[in-house]
Protein backbone atom coordinates (compact mmCIF):
# COMPACT_ATOMS: atom_id res chain seq x y z
CA MET A 1 67.62 294.76 0.93
CA ASP A 2 65.81 298.16 0.39
CA VAL A 3 62.54 298.62 -1.43
CA VAL A 4 64.13 299.01 -4.78
CA GLU A 5 66.29 295.88 -4.54
CA LEU A 6 63.35 293.88 -3.16
CA SER A 7 61.03 295.05 -5.89
CA ARG A 8 63.69 294.07 -8.54
CA PHE A 9 64.10 290.57 -6.97
CA GLN A 10 60.33 290.15 -6.95
CA PHE A 11 59.93 291.05 -10.67
CA ALA A 12 62.96 289.03 -11.70
CA SER A 13 62.01 285.88 -9.93
CA THR A 14 58.39 285.96 -11.04
CA SER A 15 59.44 286.73 -14.58
CA ILE A 16 61.68 283.65 -14.62
CA PHE A 17 58.83 281.57 -13.23
CA HIS A 18 56.48 282.90 -16.01
CA PHE A 19 59.06 282.49 -18.73
CA PHE A 20 59.41 278.71 -17.85
CA PHE A 21 55.95 278.22 -19.39
CA VAL A 22 56.27 280.91 -22.30
CA SER A 23 59.45 279.43 -23.87
CA LEU A 24 57.96 275.87 -24.08
CA THR A 25 54.53 277.05 -25.34
CA VAL A 26 55.91 279.25 -28.10
CA GLY A 27 58.28 276.44 -29.41
CA LEU A 28 56.11 273.50 -28.76
CA ALA A 29 53.00 274.95 -30.56
CA PHE A 30 55.03 275.21 -33.79
CA LEU A 31 56.48 271.84 -33.36
CA ILE A 32 53.05 270.18 -32.75
CA ALA A 33 51.80 271.94 -35.92
CA VAL A 34 54.48 270.21 -37.91
CA MET A 35 53.41 266.88 -36.38
CA GLU A 36 49.87 267.52 -37.20
CA THR A 37 51.01 268.39 -40.80
CA PHE A 38 52.71 264.93 -41.04
CA ALA A 39 49.61 263.26 -39.85
CA PHE A 40 47.56 265.06 -42.51
CA VAL A 41 50.04 264.56 -45.40
CA ARG A 42 51.14 261.10 -44.62
CA SER A 43 47.93 259.09 -45.02
CA ASP A 44 49.71 255.78 -44.72
CA ARG A 45 51.11 256.83 -41.28
CA ARG A 46 48.17 258.98 -40.15
CA GLU A 47 47.36 256.89 -37.10
CA LEU A 48 51.01 256.92 -35.97
CA TYR A 49 51.46 260.73 -36.32
CA GLY A 50 48.08 261.16 -34.81
CA LYS A 51 49.12 259.30 -31.66
CA MET A 52 52.31 261.41 -31.43
CA THR A 53 50.39 264.70 -32.00
CA ASN A 54 47.89 263.89 -29.38
CA PHE A 55 50.51 262.86 -26.82
CA PHE A 56 52.63 265.95 -27.21
CA GLY A 57 49.48 268.11 -27.60
CA HIS A 58 48.34 266.87 -24.08
CA LEU A 59 51.65 268.10 -22.67
CA PHE A 60 51.19 271.40 -24.63
CA LEU A 61 47.70 271.91 -23.11
CA ILE A 62 48.91 271.42 -19.55
CA ASN A 63 51.78 273.94 -20.06
CA PHE A 64 49.52 276.46 -21.80
CA ALA A 65 46.83 276.37 -19.11
CA VAL A 66 49.12 276.85 -16.21
CA GLY A 67 51.21 279.44 -18.11
CA VAL A 68 48.20 281.65 -18.83
CA VAL A 69 47.56 281.99 -15.07
CA THR A 70 51.20 283.04 -14.32
CA GLY A 71 50.99 285.59 -17.10
CA ILE A 72 47.96 287.23 -15.61
CA VAL A 73 49.41 287.49 -12.17
CA GLN A 74 52.68 288.89 -13.59
CA GLU A 75 50.94 291.99 -14.91
CA PHE A 76 49.84 292.99 -11.43
CA GLN A 77 53.22 293.91 -10.47
CA PHE A 78 53.36 297.01 -12.81
CA GLY A 79 50.83 298.68 -10.59
CA MET A 80 52.03 297.20 -7.34
CA ASN A 81 55.73 297.85 -7.32
CA TRP A 82 56.44 299.98 -10.48
CA SER A 83 53.68 302.56 -10.64
CA GLU A 84 56.03 305.44 -11.46
CA TYR A 85 57.36 303.37 -14.26
CA SER A 86 53.75 302.56 -15.46
CA TYR A 87 52.93 306.32 -15.43
CA PHE A 88 56.02 307.10 -17.48
CA VAL A 89 55.69 304.45 -20.15
CA GLY A 90 51.97 303.52 -20.05
CA ASN A 91 51.06 305.51 -23.16
CA ILE A 92 53.58 303.41 -25.15
CA PHE A 93 53.93 300.13 -23.21
CA GLY A 94 50.12 299.64 -23.04
CA VAL A 95 49.77 299.50 -26.88
CA PRO A 96 51.73 296.30 -27.53
CA LEU A 97 50.17 294.72 -24.41
CA ALA A 98 46.75 295.49 -25.61
CA LEU A 99 47.52 294.29 -29.17
CA GLU A 100 49.00 291.03 -27.80
CA VAL A 101 45.68 290.27 -26.15
CA LEU A 102 43.45 291.28 -29.05
CA MET A 103 45.55 289.77 -31.93
CA ALA A 104 47.18 286.72 -30.18
CA PHE A 105 45.57 285.59 -26.95
CA PHE A 106 42.05 285.45 -28.32
CA LEU A 107 43.31 283.59 -31.40
CA GLU A 108 45.29 281.06 -29.45
CA SER A 109 42.46 280.40 -26.97
CA THR A 110 39.71 280.02 -29.48
CA PHE A 111 41.56 277.71 -31.81
CA ILE A 112 43.30 275.60 -29.26
CA GLY A 113 39.84 274.74 -28.03
CA LEU A 114 38.61 273.95 -31.39
CA TRP A 115 41.85 271.82 -32.28
CA TRP A 116 41.67 269.74 -28.98
CA PHE A 117 38.01 269.38 -28.16
CA GLY A 118 36.93 269.14 -31.90
CA LYS A 119 39.51 266.58 -32.95
CA ASP A 120 36.83 263.94 -33.38
CA ARG A 121 34.33 266.22 -34.99
CA LEU A 122 36.45 268.42 -37.25
CA LYS A 123 37.66 267.40 -40.69
CA PRO A 124 41.43 266.74 -40.86
CA TRP A 125 42.09 269.97 -42.73
CA MET A 126 40.10 272.07 -40.20
CA ARG A 127 42.00 270.49 -37.34
CA LEU A 128 45.28 271.24 -39.21
CA GLY A 129 44.27 274.83 -39.84
CA ALA A 130 43.30 275.28 -36.16
CA ILE A 131 46.66 274.16 -34.80
CA TRP A 132 48.57 276.23 -37.28
CA LEU A 133 46.50 279.29 -36.12
CA VAL A 134 47.47 278.51 -32.53
CA ALA A 135 51.12 278.37 -33.58
CA ILE A 136 50.84 281.65 -35.38
CA GLY A 137 49.04 283.17 -32.43
CA THR A 138 51.91 282.18 -30.13
CA GLN A 139 54.46 283.88 -32.42
CA ILE A 140 52.37 287.06 -32.59
CA SER A 141 52.06 287.10 -28.79
CA ALA A 142 55.79 286.60 -28.36
CA PHE A 143 56.40 289.50 -30.86
CA TRP A 144 54.27 292.14 -29.02
CA ILE A 145 55.74 291.15 -25.64
CA VAL A 146 59.25 291.40 -26.96
CA LEU A 147 58.39 294.70 -28.87
CA ALA A 148 57.43 296.26 -25.50
CA ASN A 149 60.67 295.02 -23.88
CA ALA A 150 62.80 296.12 -26.72
CA TRP A 151 61.45 299.67 -26.48
CA MET A 152 62.80 299.83 -22.96
CA HIS A 153 66.33 299.02 -24.30
CA HIS A 154 66.07 301.24 -27.39
CA PRO A 155 63.30 303.82 -27.05
CA VAL A 156 62.06 305.20 -30.36
CA GLY A 157 58.88 307.03 -31.67
CA TYR A 158 58.14 309.01 -28.58
CA GLU A 159 58.28 312.38 -26.94
CA VAL A 160 58.41 313.34 -23.24
CA VAL A 161 55.48 315.54 -22.24
CA ASP A 162 54.71 316.38 -18.61
CA GLY A 163 56.89 313.56 -17.29
CA GLN A 164 55.41 310.87 -19.64
CA ALA A 165 56.66 309.29 -22.70
CA ARG A 166 53.91 309.63 -25.38
CA LEU A 167 53.79 307.71 -28.59
CA THR A 168 54.39 309.76 -31.76
CA ASP A 169 55.40 307.24 -34.38
CA PHE A 170 53.86 303.72 -34.06
CA GLY A 171 55.74 302.57 -37.12
CA ALA A 172 59.07 303.43 -35.50
CA VAL A 173 58.11 301.27 -32.50
CA VAL A 174 57.00 298.30 -34.64
CA PHE A 175 60.10 298.44 -36.74
CA ASN A 176 62.48 299.00 -34.04
CA TYR A 177 65.50 296.89 -35.04
CA LYS A 178 66.02 295.92 -31.48
CA ALA A 179 62.60 294.37 -31.29
CA TRP A 180 63.08 292.21 -34.40
CA LEU A 181 66.50 291.09 -33.17
CA TYR A 182 65.24 290.18 -29.81
CA PHE A 183 62.31 288.34 -31.30
CA ALA A 184 64.62 286.30 -33.50
CA HIS A 185 66.59 285.21 -30.48
CA VAL A 186 63.56 284.43 -28.38
CA GLN A 187 62.10 282.44 -31.22
CA GLY A 188 65.28 280.43 -31.69
CA SER A 189 65.62 279.88 -28.02
CA ALA A 190 61.94 278.58 -27.84
CA TRP A 191 62.61 276.15 -30.57
CA VAL A 192 65.53 274.84 -28.66
CA VAL A 193 63.49 274.35 -25.44
CA ALA A 194 60.67 272.59 -27.36
CA GLY A 195 63.16 270.51 -29.42
CA PHE A 196 65.12 269.21 -26.43
CA PHE A 197 61.80 268.76 -24.51
CA VAL A 198 60.56 266.38 -27.32
CA LEU A 199 64.07 264.84 -27.61
CA GLY A 200 64.28 264.00 -23.90
CA ILE A 201 60.79 262.49 -23.73
CA SER A 202 61.29 260.49 -26.90
CA ALA A 203 64.74 259.28 -25.73
CA PHE A 204 63.16 258.20 -22.32
CA HIS A 205 60.59 255.96 -23.99
CA LEU A 206 63.08 254.61 -26.57
CA LEU A 207 65.32 253.53 -23.70
CA ARG A 208 62.33 251.60 -22.24
CA ARG A 209 61.46 250.19 -25.65
CA GLN A 210 57.87 251.69 -25.54
CA ASP A 211 56.07 252.60 -28.72
CA THR A 212 59.29 252.83 -30.63
CA ASP A 213 57.55 253.43 -33.92
CA VAL A 214 56.14 256.65 -32.63
CA TYR A 215 59.04 257.92 -30.41
CA SER A 216 61.54 257.06 -33.22
CA ARG A 217 59.94 259.53 -35.47
CA SER A 218 59.37 262.27 -32.75
CA LEU A 219 63.02 261.92 -31.87
CA ARG A 220 63.90 262.84 -35.43
CA ILE A 221 61.49 265.78 -35.66
CA GLY A 222 62.90 266.96 -32.42
CA LEU A 223 66.37 266.74 -33.69
CA VAL A 224 65.70 268.83 -36.67
CA PHE A 225 64.01 271.46 -34.51
CA ALA A 226 66.81 271.53 -32.02
CA ALA A 227 69.45 271.87 -34.78
CA VAL A 228 67.61 274.78 -36.50
CA GLY A 229 66.83 276.43 -33.18
CA THR A 230 70.35 276.18 -31.87
CA VAL A 231 71.79 277.66 -35.14
CA PHE A 232 69.22 280.48 -35.13
CA SER A 233 69.95 281.23 -31.45
CA VAL A 234 73.67 281.41 -31.85
CA VAL A 235 73.52 283.61 -34.98
CA SER A 236 70.91 286.03 -33.56
CA GLY A 237 72.68 286.01 -30.13
CA HIS A 238 75.97 286.94 -31.70
CA THR A 239 74.40 289.66 -33.68
CA GLU A 240 72.55 290.94 -30.53
CA ALA A 241 75.94 291.21 -28.68
CA GLN A 242 77.53 293.22 -31.53
CA VAL A 243 74.59 295.54 -31.53
CA ALA A 244 74.89 296.00 -27.73
CA ARG A 245 78.45 297.07 -28.29
CA GLU A 246 77.08 300.03 -30.24
CA ASP A 247 73.95 301.07 -28.42
CA GLN A 248 74.50 299.77 -24.96
CA PRO A 249 78.35 299.73 -24.61
CA MET A 250 78.21 299.49 -20.82
CA LYS A 251 76.32 296.19 -21.00
CA PHE A 252 78.86 294.81 -23.51
CA ALA A 253 81.83 295.90 -21.33
CA ALA A 254 80.17 294.20 -18.37
CA MET A 255 79.67 290.85 -20.37
CA GLU A 256 83.51 290.98 -20.91
CA ALA A 257 84.35 292.40 -17.44
CA GLN A 258 86.46 294.97 -19.30
CA TRP A 259 87.24 297.72 -16.84
CA GLU A 260 89.71 299.62 -19.07
CA THR A 261 89.44 300.23 -22.89
CA SER A 262 90.99 297.34 -24.70
CA GLU A 263 93.87 297.29 -27.19
CA SER A 264 93.31 296.39 -30.79
CA PRO A 265 93.14 293.48 -31.52
CA ALA A 266 91.04 292.81 -28.29
CA PRO A 267 91.26 289.64 -26.23
CA TRP A 268 88.35 287.65 -24.90
CA SER A 269 87.99 287.03 -21.28
CA LEU A 270 87.76 283.24 -20.56
CA VAL A 271 87.70 283.48 -16.75
CA ALA A 272 87.77 286.40 -14.49
CA LEU A 273 87.37 286.98 -10.74
CA ILE A 274 85.67 290.35 -10.44
CA ASP A 275 86.07 292.92 -7.67
CA GLN A 276 83.40 295.55 -8.49
CA GLU A 277 84.22 297.87 -5.50
CA ALA A 278 87.87 298.14 -6.69
CA ARG A 279 86.77 298.13 -10.22
CA GLU A 280 89.26 295.55 -11.42
CA ASN A 281 89.63 291.84 -12.05
CA THR A 282 91.82 290.08 -9.40
CA VAL A 283 92.26 287.17 -11.79
CA SER A 284 91.77 287.16 -15.58
CA LEU A 285 92.57 284.57 -18.19
CA GLU A 286 92.21 285.90 -21.65
CA ILE A 287 92.54 284.53 -25.22
CA PRO A 288 94.09 286.91 -27.68
CA TYR A 289 92.23 288.06 -30.83
CA VAL A 290 88.95 286.42 -29.98
CA GLY A 291 87.40 289.54 -28.42
CA SER A 292 87.82 291.42 -31.67
CA ILE A 293 86.35 288.48 -33.68
CA LEU A 294 83.30 288.37 -31.50
CA ALA A 295 82.75 292.14 -31.36
CA TYR A 296 83.61 292.91 -35.05
CA ASN A 297 83.97 289.64 -36.95
CA SER A 298 87.48 290.81 -37.56
CA LEU A 299 90.95 290.44 -36.24
CA GLU A 300 91.04 294.05 -35.61
CA GLY A 301 89.01 296.28 -33.23
CA ARG A 302 88.61 297.27 -29.70
CA TYR A 303 85.85 298.13 -27.19
CA GLU A 304 85.62 300.67 -24.40
CA GLY A 305 86.14 299.87 -20.83
CA ILE A 306 83.65 300.35 -17.99
CA ASN A 307 85.66 303.16 -16.26
CA GLN A 308 85.79 305.30 -19.45
CA LEU A 309 82.09 304.55 -20.21
CA GLU A 310 81.22 305.65 -16.68
CA GLU A 311 82.71 309.15 -17.46
CA GLN A 312 80.73 309.38 -20.65
CA TYR A 313 77.52 308.42 -18.95
CA ASP A 314 78.13 310.97 -16.20
CA GLU A 315 78.31 313.67 -18.84
CA ALA A 316 75.22 312.40 -20.78
CA TYR A 317 72.85 311.62 -17.93
CA GLY A 318 74.32 313.41 -14.83
CA GLU A 319 76.34 312.19 -11.94
CA GLY A 320 75.55 308.70 -10.93
CA ASP A 321 76.57 305.12 -10.74
CA TYR A 322 75.90 303.55 -14.17
CA VAL A 323 77.86 300.28 -13.73
CA PRO A 324 75.61 297.20 -13.74
CA PRO A 325 76.22 294.10 -11.46
CA VAL A 326 79.28 293.03 -13.50
CA ALA A 327 79.77 289.67 -11.94
CA TRP A 328 76.14 288.56 -12.60
CA VAL A 329 76.26 289.75 -16.22
CA TYR A 330 79.72 288.27 -16.96
CA TRP A 331 78.96 284.79 -15.57
CA SER A 332 75.42 284.66 -16.85
CA PHE A 333 76.68 285.38 -20.37
CA ARG A 334 79.20 282.50 -20.10
CA ILE A 335 76.80 279.92 -18.67
CA MET A 336 74.47 280.82 -21.58
CA VAL A 337 77.22 280.50 -24.18
CA ALA A 338 78.52 277.25 -22.62
CA ILE A 339 75.05 275.56 -22.54
CA GLY A 340 74.24 276.92 -26.01
CA SER A 341 77.40 275.46 -27.53
CA LEU A 342 76.74 272.11 -25.82
CA LEU A 343 73.23 271.94 -27.13
CA LEU A 344 74.38 272.91 -30.67
CA ALA A 345 76.99 270.15 -30.57
CA THR A 346 74.51 267.69 -29.26
CA ALA A 347 71.92 268.44 -31.92
CA PHE A 348 74.32 268.01 -34.74
CA LEU A 349 75.85 264.97 -33.16
CA GLY A 350 72.37 263.54 -33.25
CA LEU A 351 72.03 264.36 -36.96
CA PHE A 352 75.31 262.77 -37.68
CA LEU A 353 74.37 259.51 -35.91
CA TRP A 354 71.13 259.64 -37.68
CA TRP A 355 72.99 259.90 -41.00
CA ARG A 356 75.63 257.33 -40.13
CA ARG A 357 73.56 254.73 -38.35
CA ARG A 358 70.10 255.27 -39.80
CA GLN A 359 67.81 253.15 -37.63
CA GLY A 360 70.72 252.59 -35.19
CA LEU A 361 70.15 256.02 -33.73
CA ASP A 362 67.30 254.51 -31.57
CA GLY A 363 69.78 252.09 -30.17
CA THR A 364 72.58 254.52 -29.26
CA ARG A 365 71.77 254.32 -25.54
CA TRP A 366 74.52 256.75 -24.23
CA PHE A 367 73.16 259.42 -26.57
CA LEU A 368 69.55 258.78 -25.49
CA ARG A 369 70.51 258.97 -21.90
CA ALA A 370 72.35 262.27 -22.46
CA LEU A 371 69.18 263.69 -24.14
CA VAL A 372 67.02 262.84 -21.00
CA LEU A 373 69.59 264.59 -18.78
CA PHE A 374 69.66 267.67 -21.03
CA ILE A 375 66.01 268.44 -20.81
CA PRO A 376 66.43 271.33 -18.19
CA LEU A 377 69.51 272.88 -19.87
CA PRO A 378 67.72 274.95 -22.52
CA TRP A 379 65.70 276.65 -19.70
CA ILE A 380 68.82 277.53 -17.82
CA ALA A 381 70.41 279.07 -20.92
CA ASN A 382 67.10 281.09 -21.47
CA PHE A 383 67.11 282.37 -17.87
CA THR A 384 70.74 283.37 -17.85
CA GLY A 385 70.37 285.10 -21.20
CA TRP A 386 67.51 287.15 -19.96
CA MET A 387 69.64 288.07 -16.82
CA VAL A 388 72.42 289.40 -19.25
CA THR A 389 69.81 291.40 -21.24
CA GLU A 390 67.96 292.84 -18.13
CA MET A 391 70.64 293.33 -15.62
CA GLY A 392 73.13 294.56 -18.25
CA ARG A 393 71.02 297.79 -18.80
CA GLN A 394 70.98 298.57 -14.99
CA PRO A 395 70.49 301.17 -13.52
CA PHE A 396 68.03 302.08 -16.36
CA MET A 397 64.48 300.78 -16.69
CA VAL A 398 64.07 302.76 -19.93
CA TYR A 399 67.56 303.17 -21.33
CA GLY A 400 68.77 306.66 -21.04
CA LEU A 401 65.33 308.00 -19.88
CA LEU A 402 64.24 306.27 -16.58
CA THR A 403 66.22 304.57 -13.80
CA VAL A 404 64.99 301.82 -11.62
CA GLU A 405 64.97 304.05 -8.59
CA GLU A 406 62.77 306.58 -10.44
CA GLY A 407 60.31 303.89 -11.55
CA VAL A 408 59.57 302.17 -8.31
CA SER A 409 56.35 302.68 -6.28
CA ALA A 410 56.27 304.44 -3.00
CA ASN A 411 55.75 301.29 -1.02
CA SER A 412 57.17 300.26 2.33
CA LEU A 413 59.58 297.42 2.77
CA GLY A 414 56.88 295.38 4.56
CA GLU A 415 54.43 295.94 1.74
CA VAL A 416 56.80 294.76 -0.95
CA LEU A 417 57.86 291.71 1.24
CA ALA A 418 54.23 290.70 1.67
CA GLY A 419 53.68 290.87 -2.06
CA LEU A 420 56.81 288.86 -2.77
CA VAL A 421 55.84 286.13 -0.41
CA GLY A 422 52.35 285.94 -1.76
CA LEU A 423 53.51 285.81 -5.33
CA TRP A 424 56.15 283.17 -4.60
CA VAL A 425 53.52 281.02 -2.93
CA VAL A 426 51.23 281.26 -6.05
CA TYR A 427 54.14 280.76 -8.59
CA LEU A 428 55.76 277.79 -6.62
CA ALA A 429 52.40 276.06 -6.39
CA LEU A 430 51.77 276.49 -10.16
CA ILE A 431 55.23 275.74 -11.42
CA GLY A 432 55.18 272.57 -9.05
CA LEU A 433 51.74 271.58 -10.43
CA ASP A 434 53.03 272.15 -14.03
CA VAL A 435 56.28 270.08 -13.58
CA TYR A 436 54.29 267.31 -11.72
CA LEU A 437 51.62 266.99 -14.45
CA LEU A 438 54.21 267.23 -17.26
CA THR A 439 56.36 264.51 -15.64
CA VAL A 440 53.52 262.16 -14.81
CA THR A 441 52.14 262.54 -18.35
CA ALA A 442 55.38 262.36 -20.15
CA ARG A 443 56.47 259.26 -18.19
CA ALA A 444 53.11 257.56 -18.74
CA GLY A 445 53.51 257.55 -22.51
CA ILE A 446 51.05 257.31 -25.30
CA HIS A 447 48.80 254.48 -24.02
CA ARG A 448 48.59 255.72 -20.57
CA THR A 449 47.43 259.39 -21.04
CA PRO A 450 43.92 260.22 -19.94
CA ASP A 451 42.74 260.26 -23.57
CA ALA A 452 43.98 256.78 -24.29
CA GLN A 453 42.52 255.46 -21.00
CA LEU A 454 39.10 257.03 -21.88
CA VAL A 455 39.18 255.39 -25.25
CA ALA A 456 40.19 251.99 -23.89
CA ALA A 457 37.76 252.09 -20.97
CA PRO A 458 34.86 249.57 -21.12
CA ALA A 459 31.25 250.80 -21.51
CA PRO A 460 29.59 251.36 -18.19
CA SER A 461 27.33 248.38 -17.05
CA TYR A 462 23.90 249.09 -15.65
CA GLU A 463 23.03 245.45 -14.90
CA GLY A 464 21.21 245.01 -11.59
CA THR A 465 20.54 248.76 -11.12
CA GLY A 466 17.11 248.85 -12.75
CA PHE A 467 18.30 251.37 -15.23
CA GLN A 468 18.64 250.14 -18.72
CA GLY A 469 20.13 253.37 -20.26
CA TYR A 470 18.76 254.78 -23.45
CA GLU A 471 19.11 254.28 -27.10
CA ARG A 472 20.13 257.22 -29.25
CA LYS A 473 17.69 257.91 -31.97
CA ASP A 474 18.82 260.28 -34.90
């Protein structure tokens, strides 16, 4: 691997590590806010929903704390490996990153502390307001980060002066249609991650017949979240693919491994063995008409092939190789779609079982076992989705303006390798710690979490020590 490829691998791998935390944090904050709302509204069930909120809130805090560290480390790479990119986009890219810190991170950090550490001191409505502000803060944070990424795919509101992209229209950047579309998809996928996280943990304890009154209700809340999230993800993802056909046609062609311009109606490639050097598919299994339906919501329509698009890109951007890694984009897209379809079916099957069996849903053991096994699937779908998004726009870092080779720092191979090893050590340690703490806490259940043990612990005895303690006087 050369410097460019190694730098790309470093940023891609550490981004995946970081997004492991982000997707759960964004979705779980909103879900816990809903649980806290039930605890506030349902006075007859306040203790039950309070236990639920505290248990999943403990898991949220673990993930949030470790995730913050990975985010801080992630930003170092812009200066380490991508200094030319930072110079080119810093005038624009720095604005949403700064706003994310000022508008979201401080909001989250402040009110998450009030919500958690003030839970025995704040009035119920104050605690409810605090967790909703945390949930809102996570959404704001996600929006500004996605906004910066979307600008790289569809740059607007800028002019290039002295080799730098300079901001000329902040409104155009904020209302970039690509940003809002990406944000909708990220939001839906975060709800899916959080929903199936809560579903899997609830199902695990229901299988063990532990605190069934609490986990039965958290299972149903998770089902609703998972159902809404999967629908939101499918609709926004479908729209995102159709938009890519218009403004990033090479990415769309790579998603379908379409080397030559298709006929109308266009088929959909179910399976293809791709030979990128020969620019052909050695094996291709296609389904008629489906390609046009997916691309146009119609039985008519075609899309351009990679070979024809390469000629257009050569004319627009100069001679070069503008074909992304087709096999990676093609198979990542299909893995994402397959998992998304499975999760959509699972969520609505759960709703059907709930409707048909009422309380019998808690005893449908094959379904509960499946939910436990499905916990990692939303993360895999998220990662493969980002691989389609980011690898599909190669060789551009900023679409149509800056290529990856133009954005890399003037580092030696050894320097990049040293940075890669160091970051992997840090990230593996952090993600290992997070997974360990989440697993131990989730398996322990409500009555074995540190909070519960602290409440249940007997008062300390000073007998025989000569110290009688003290009596508080107000």
